[in-house]
Amino acid sequence: MEKNVLQSIAGITVYPLISFGIFFLFFAALLVYVLVANKQHLHTMSQLPLASDDEETLKTTLNHDILC
């Protein structure tokens, strides 16, 4: 029954192509971001959950000054 309903919708074949395009563009943009991102910034951000409060405040302040 669902098959007949979907076949009766005009232009239904374009929706899978649009969803694939969005999916592909999202992961392509994510790949470009990872390749272009500042490695030092990524390393610092990855260490923040492991740092104590004093280290976290100091690193955040230093990184904010460097990035701005």
PDB file of N, CA and C in Angstrom:
ATOM      1  N   MET A   1       0.815  -1.187   0.000  1.00  0.00           N
ATOM      2  CA  MET A   1       0.000   0.000   0.000  1.00  0.00           C
ATOM      3  C   MET A   1       0.866   1.260   0.000  1.00  0.00           C
ATOM      4  N   GLU A   2       1.895   1.305   0.865  1.00  0.00           N
ATOM      5  CA  GLU A   2       2.759   2.473   0.921  1.00  0.00           C
ATOM      6  C   GLU A   2       3.478   2.692  -0.400  1.00  0.00           C
ATOM      7  N   LYS A   3       3.782   1.598  -1.090  1.00  0.00           N
ATOM      8  CA  LYS A   3       4.479   1.695  -2.368  1.00  0.00           C
ATOM      9  C   LYS A   3       3.621   2.445  -3.388  1.00  0.00           C
ATOM     10  N   ASN A   4       2.356   2.147  -3.416  1.00  0.00           N
ATOM     11  CA  ASN A   4       1.452   2.827  -4.345  1.00  0.00           C
ATOM     12  C   ASN A   4       1.292   4.304  -3.995  1.00  0.00           C
ATOM     13  N   VAL A   5       1.282   4.613  -2.719  1.00  0.00           N
ATOM     14  CA  VAL A   5       1.134   6.004  -2.295  1.00  0.00           C
ATOM     15  C   VAL A   5       2.364   6.802  -2.717  1.00  0.00           C
ATOM     16  N   LEU A   6       3.538   6.256  -2.484  1.00  0.00           N
ATOM     17  CA  LEU A   6       4.760   6.969  -2.843  1.00  0.00           C
ATOM     18  C   LEU A   6       4.915   7.119  -4.354  1.00  0.00           C
ATOM     19  N   GLN A   7       4.475   6.137  -5.103  1.00  0.00           N
ATOM     20  CA  GLN A   7       4.575   6.226  -6.561  1.00  0.00           C
ATOM     21  C   GLN A   7       3.613   7.262  -7.138  1.00  0.00           C
ATOM     22  N   SER A   8       2.548   7.536  -6.425  1.00  0.00           N
ATOM     23  CA  SER A   8       1.564   8.500  -6.940  1.00  0.00           C
ATOM     24  C   SER A   8       1.983   9.945  -6.723  1.00  0.00           C
ATOM     25  N   ILE A   9       3.015  10.188  -5.922  1.00  0.00           N
ATOM     26  CA  ILE A   9       3.470  11.551  -5.663  1.00  0.00           C
ATOM     27  C   ILE A   9       4.348  11.995  -6.830  1.00  0.00           C
ATOM     28  N   ALA A  10       3.996  13.125  -7.422  1.00  0.00           N
ATOM     29  CA  ALA A  10       4.762  13.639  -8.567  1.00  0.00           C
ATOM     30  C   ALA A  10       6.103  14.190  -8.091  1.00  0.00           C
ATOM     31  N   GLY A  11       7.170  13.825  -8.761  1.00  0.00           N
ATOM     32  CA  GLY A  11       8.497  14.343  -8.443  1.00  0.00           C
ATOM     33  C   GLY A  11       9.151  13.710  -7.228  1.00  0.00           C
ATOM     34  N   ILE A  12       8.688  12.545  -6.812  1.00  0.00           N
ATOM     35  CA  ILE A  12       9.225  11.890  -5.612  1.00  0.00           C
ATOM     36  C   ILE A  12      10.661  11.411  -5.819  1.00  0.00           C
ATOM     37  N   THR A  13      11.066  11.207  -7.054  1.00  0.00           N
ATOM     38  CA  THR A  13      12.407  10.671  -7.307  1.00  0.00           C
ATOM     39  C   THR A  13      13.509  11.680  -7.006  1.00  0.00           C
ATOM     40  N   VAL A  14      13.196  12.942  -6.883  1.00  0.00           N
ATOM     41  CA  VAL A  14      14.217  13.945  -6.635  1.00  0.00           C
ATOM     42  C   VAL A  14      14.631  13.982  -5.153  1.00  0.00           C
ATOM     43  N   TYR A  15      13.759  13.567  -4.251  1.00  0.00           N
ATOM     44  CA  TYR A  15      14.059  13.644  -2.823  1.00  0.00           C
ATOM     45  C   TYR A  15      15.250  12.787  -2.388  1.00  0.00           C
ATOM     46  N   PRO A  16      15.400  11.562  -2.868  1.00  0.00           N
ATOM     47  CA  PRO A  16      16.608  10.802  -2.503  1.00  0.00           C
ATOM     48  C   PRO A  16      17.888  11.475  -3.003  1.00  0.00           C
ATOM     49  N   LEU A  17      17.833  12.097  -4.161  1.00  0.00           N
ATOM     50  CA  LEU A  17      19.009  12.790  -4.682  1.00  0.00           C
ATOM     51  C   LEU A  17      19.355  14.010  -3.836  1.00  0.00           C
ATOM     52  N   ILE A  18      18.355  14.737  -3.414  1.00  0.00           N
ATOM     53  CA  ILE A  18      18.588  15.907  -2.557  1.00  0.00           C
ATOM     54  C   ILE A  18      19.162  15.475  -1.210  1.00  0.00           C
ATOM     55  N   SER A  19      18.618  14.432  -0.623  1.00  0.00           N
ATOM     56  CA  SER A  19      19.119  13.975   0.678  1.00  0.00           C
ATOM     57  C   SER A  19      20.544  13.446   0.560  1.00  0.00           C
ATOM     58  N   PHE A  20      20.860  12.749  -0.522  1.00  0.00           N
ATOM     59  CA  PHE A  20      22.234  12.290  -0.726  1.00  0.00           C
ATOM     60  C   PHE A  20      23.179  13.483  -0.907  1.00  0.00           C
ATOM     61  N   GLY A  21      22.737  14.488  -1.628  1.00  0.00           N
ATOM     62  CA  GLY A  21      23.562  15.686  -1.829  1.00  0.00           C
ATOM     63  C   GLY A  21      23.859  16.395  -0.520  1.00  0.00           C
ATOM     64  N   ILE A  22      22.850  16.552   0.322  1.00  0.00           N
ATOM     65  CA  ILE A  22      23.060  17.184   1.634  1.00  0.00           C
ATOM     66  C   ILE A  22      24.001  16.348   2.480  1.00  0.00           C
ATOM     67  N   PHE A  23      23.808  15.043   2.484  1.00  0.00           N
ATOM     68  CA  PHE A  23      24.677  14.132   3.240  1.00  0.00           C
ATOM     69  C   PHE A  23      26.119  14.245   2.772  1.00  0.00           C
ATOM     70  N   PHE A  24      26.333  14.219   1.463  1.00  0.00           N
ATOM     71  CA  PHE A  24      27.676  14.296   0.903  1.00  0.00           C
ATOM     72  C   PHE A  24      28.328  15.650   1.199  1.00  0.00           C
ATOM     73  N   LEU A  25      27.594  16.736   1.009  1.00  0.00           N
ATOM     74  CA  LEU A  25      28.152  18.067   1.257  1.00  0.00           C
ATOM     75  C   LEU A  25      28.519  18.277   2.717  1.00  0.00           C
ATOM     76  N   PHE A  26      27.718  17.747   3.625  1.00  0.00           N
ATOM     77  CA  PHE A  26      28.025  17.878   5.048  1.00  0.00           C
ATOM     78  C   PHE A  26      29.353  17.208   5.379  1.00  0.00           C
ATOM     79  N   PHE A  27      29.544  15.970   4.941  1.00  0.00           N
ATOM     80  CA  PHE A  27      30.778  15.270   5.271  1.00  0.00           C
ATOM     81  C   PHE A  27      31.975  15.802   4.487  1.00  0.00           C
ATOM     82  N   ALA A  28      31.751  16.321   3.300  1.00  0.00           N
ATOM     83  CA  ALA A  28      32.843  16.961   2.561  1.00  0.00           C
ATOM     84  C   ALA A  28      33.280  18.232   3.277  1.00  0.00           C
ATOM     85  N   ALA A  29      32.331  19.027   3.761  1.00  0.00           N
ATOM     86  CA  ALA A  29      32.668  20.240   4.511  1.00  0.00           C
ATOM     87  C   ALA A  29      33.367  19.895   5.817  1.00  0.00           C
ATOM     88  N   LEU A  30      32.936  18.842   6.476  1.00  0.00           N
ATOM     89  CA  LEU A  30      33.574  18.405   7.710  1.00  0.00           C
ATOM     90  C   LEU A  30      35.014  17.959   7.450  1.00  0.00           C
ATOM     91  N   LEU A  31      35.247  17.266   6.359  1.00  0.00           N
ATOM     92  CA  LEU A  31      36.592  16.839   5.996  1.00  0.00           C
ATOM     93  C   LEU A  31      37.491  18.042   5.717  1.00  0.00           C
ATOM     94  N   VAL A  32      36.976  19.020   5.005  1.00  0.00           N
ATOM     95  CA  VAL A  32      37.756  20.237   4.726  1.00  0.00           C
ATOM     96  C   VAL A  32      38.073  20.961   6.025  1.00  0.00           C
ATOM     97  N   TYR A  33      37.112  21.058   6.940  1.00  0.00           N
ATOM     98  CA  TYR A  33      37.346  21.719   8.223  1.00  0.00           C
ATOM     99  C   TYR A  33      38.458  21.020   9.006  1.00  0.00           C
ATOM    100  N   VAL A  34      38.425  19.704   9.043  1.00  0.00           N
ATOM    101  CA  VAL A  34      39.430  18.946   9.795  1.00  0.00           C
ATOM    102  C   VAL A  34      40.813  19.123   9.177  1.00  0.00           C
ATOM    103  N   LEU A  35      40.904  19.155   7.871  1.00  0.00           N
ATOM    104  CA  LEU A  35      42.195  19.300   7.213  1.00  0.00           C
ATOM    105  C   LEU A  35      42.757  20.715   7.334  1.00  0.00           C
ATOM    106  N   VAL A  36      41.891  21.714   7.431  1.00  0.00           N
ATOM    107  CA  VAL A  36      42.335  23.109   7.448  1.00  0.00           C
ATOM    108  C   VAL A  36      42.471  23.648   8.874  1.00  0.00           C
ATOM    109  N   ALA A  37      41.855  23.011   9.852  1.00  0.00           N
ATOM    110  CA  ALA A  37      41.802  23.530  11.220  1.00  0.00           C
ATOM    111  C   ALA A  37      43.202  23.653  11.819  1.00  0.00           C
ATOM    112  N   ASN A  38      43.316  24.611  12.724  1.00  0.00           N
ATOM    113  CA  ASN A  38      44.564  24.838  13.442  1.00  0.00           C
ATOM    114  C   ASN A  38      44.803  23.671  14.399  1.00  0.00           C
ATOM    115  N   LYS A  39      45.874  22.944  14.189  1.00  0.00           N
ATOM    116  CA  LYS A  39      46.141  21.730  14.980  1.00  0.00           C
ATOM    117  C   LYS A  39      46.408  22.055  16.450  1.00  0.00           C
ATOM    118  N   GLN A  40      47.056  23.178  16.710  1.00  0.00           N
ATOM    119  CA  GLN A  40      47.322  23.570  18.096  1.00  0.00           C
ATOM    120  C   GLN A  40      46.018  23.862  18.832  1.00  0.00           C
ATOM    121  N   HIS A  41      45.101  24.519  18.173  1.00  0.00           N
ATOM    122  CA  HIS A  41      43.804  24.817  18.783  1.00  0.00           C
ATOM    123  C   HIS A  41      43.045  23.526  19.077  1.00  0.00           C
ATOM    124  N   LEU A  42      43.048  22.584  18.141  1.00  0.00           N
ATOM    125  CA  LEU A  42      42.360  21.311  18.359  1.00  0.00           C
ATOM    126  C   LEU A  42      42.978  20.532  19.514  1.00  0.00           C
ATOM    127  N   HIS A  43      44.301  20.560  19.600  1.00  0.00           N
ATOM    128  CA  HIS A  43      44.982  19.858  20.700  1.00  0.00           C
ATOM    129  C   HIS A  43      44.632  20.497  22.045  1.00  0.00           C
ATOM    130  N   THR A  44      44.638  21.818  22.099  1.00  0.00           N
ATOM    131  CA  THR A  44      44.299  22.515  23.339  1.00  0.00           C
ATOM    132  C   THR A  44      42.861  22.215  23.749  1.00  0.00           C
ATOM    133  N   MET A  45      41.945  22.241  22.812  1.00  0.00           N
ATOM    134  CA  MET A  45      40.547  21.953  23.126  1.00  0.00           C
ATOM    135  C   MET A  45      40.363  20.510  23.577  1.00  0.00           C
ATOM    136  N   SER A  46      41.148  19.592  23.035  1.00  0.00           N
ATOM    137  CA  SER A  46      41.016  18.191  23.434  1.00  0.00           C
ATOM    138  C   SER A  46      41.555  17.957  24.840  1.00  0.00           C
ATOM    139  N   GLN A  47      42.449  18.819  25.307  1.00  0.00           N
ATOM    140  CA  GLN A  47      43.027  18.665  26.638  1.00  0.00           C
ATOM    141  C   GLN A  47      42.208  19.349  27.729  1.00  0.00           C
ATOM    142  N   LEU A  48      41.266  20.201  27.379  1.00  0.00           N
ATOM    143  CA  LEU A  48      40.489  20.939  28.382  1.00  0.00           C
ATOM    144  C   LEU A  48      39.712  20.048  29.354  1.00  0.00           C
ATOM    145  N   PRO A  49      39.074  18.967  28.917  1.00  0.00           N
ATOM    146  CA  PRO A  49      38.355  18.140  29.898  1.00  0.00           C
ATOM    147  C   PRO A  49      39.276  17.482  30.919  1.00  0.00           C
ATOM    148  N   LEU A  50      40.551  17.350  30.600  1.00  0.00           N
ATOM    149  CA  LEU A  50      41.495  16.691  31.491  1.00  0.00           C
ATOM    150  C   LEU A  50      42.210  17.674  32.415  1.00  0.00           C
ATOM    151  N   ALA A  51      42.134  18.956  32.134  1.00  0.00           N
ATOM    152  CA  ALA A  51      42.865  19.959  32.895  1.00  0.00           C
ATOM    153  C   ALA A  51      42.124  20.309  34.176  1.00  0.00           C
ATOM    154  N   SER A  52      42.901  20.748  35.179  1.00  0.00           N
ATOM    155  CA  SER A  52      42.283  21.240  36.406  1.00  0.00           C
ATOM    156  C   SER A  52      41.718  22.637  36.150  1.00  0.00           C
ATOM    157  N   ASP A  53      40.995  23.178  37.106  1.00  0.00           N
ATOM    158  CA  ASP A  53      40.341  24.472  36.913  1.00  0.00           C
ATOM    159  C   ASP A  53      41.337  25.596  36.653  1.00  0.00           C
ATOM    160  N   ASP A  54      42.471  25.610  37.377  1.00  0.00           N
ATOM    161  CA  ASP A  54      43.457  26.672  37.189  1.00  0.00           C
ATOM    162  C   ASP A  54      44.091  26.597  35.806  1.00  0.00           C
ATOM    163  N   GLU A  55      44.451  25.391  35.372  1.00  0.00           N
ATOM    164  CA  GLU A  55      45.041  25.216  34.049  1.00  0.00           C
ATOM    165  C   GLU A  55      44.041  25.568  32.962  1.00  0.00           C
ATOM    166  N   GLU A  56      42.787  25.192  33.171  1.00  0.00           N
ATOM    167  CA  GLU A  56      41.745  25.450  32.172  1.00  0.00           C
ATOM    168  C   GLU A  56      41.542  26.952  31.989  1.00  0.00           C
ATOM    169  N   THR A  57      41.483  27.686  33.079  1.00  0.00           N
ATOM    170  CA  THR A  57      41.297  29.136  33.007  1.00  0.00           C
ATOM    171  C   THR A  57      42.481  29.790  32.305  1.00  0.00           C
ATOM    172  N   LEU A  58      43.685  29.369  32.644  1.00  0.00           N
ATOM    173  CA  LEU A  58      44.883  29.938  32.035  1.00  0.00           C
ATOM    174  C   LEU A  58      44.930  29.642  30.539  1.00  0.00           C
ATOM    175  N   LYS A  59      44.675  28.401  30.144  1.00  0.00           N
ATOM    176  CA  LYS A  59      44.721  28.036  28.728  1.00  0.00           C
ATOM    177  C   LYS A  59      43.630  28.741  27.934  1.00  0.00           C
ATOM    178  N   THR A  60      42.441  28.835  28.509  1.00  0.00           N
ATOM    179  CA  THR A  60      41.353  29.506  27.811  1.00  0.00           C
ATOM    180  C   THR A  60      41.682  30.973  27.596  1.00  0.00           C
ATOM    181  N   THR A  61      42.258  31.611  28.599  1.00  0.00           N
ATOM    182  CA  THR A  61      42.633  33.018  28.482  1.00  0.00           C
ATOM    183  C   THR A  61      43.724  33.188  27.433  1.00  0.00           C
ATOM    184  N   LEU A  62      44.724  32.315  27.462  1.00  0.00           N
ATOM    185  CA  LEU A  62      45.816  32.414  26.485  1.00  0.00           C
ATOM    186  C   LEU A  62      45.322  32.153  25.071  1.00  0.00           C
ATOM    187  N   ASN A  63      44.475  31.150  24.903  1.00  0.00           N
ATOM    188  CA  ASN A  63      43.957  30.834  23.560  1.00  0.00           C
ATOM    189  C   ASN A  63      43.056  31.938  23.045  1.00  0.00           C
ATOM    190  N   HIS A  64      42.295  32.552  23.925  1.00  0.00           N
ATOM    191  CA  HIS A  64      41.415  33.637  23.478  1.00  0.00           C
ATOM    192  C   HIS A  64      42.265  34.803  22.972  1.00  0.00           C
ATOM    193  N   ASP A  65      43.364  35.084  23.652  1.00  0.00           N
ATOM    194  CA  ASP A  65      44.246  36.173  23.220  1.00  0.00           C
ATOM    195  C   ASP A  65      44.911  35.845  21.890  1.00  0.00           C
ATOM    196  N   ILE A  66      45.275  34.590  21.697  1.00  0.00           N
ATOM    197  CA  ILE A  66      45.952  34.182  20.445  1.00  0.00           C
ATOM    198  C   ILE A  66      44.965  34.197  19.297  1.00  0.00           C
ATOM    199  N   LEU A  67      43.753  33.695  19.495  1.00  0.00           N
ATOM    200  CA  LEU A  67      42.780  33.575  18.416  1.00  0.00           C
ATOM    201  C   LEU A  67      42.161  34.914  18.023  1.00  0.00           C
ATOM    202  N   CYS A  68      42.104  35.854  18.956  1.00  0.00           N
ATOM    203  CA  CYS A  68      41.465  37.152  18.638  1.00  0.00           C
ATOM    204  C   CYS A  68      42.421  38.162  18.076  1.00  0.00           C
TER     205      CYS A  68
END
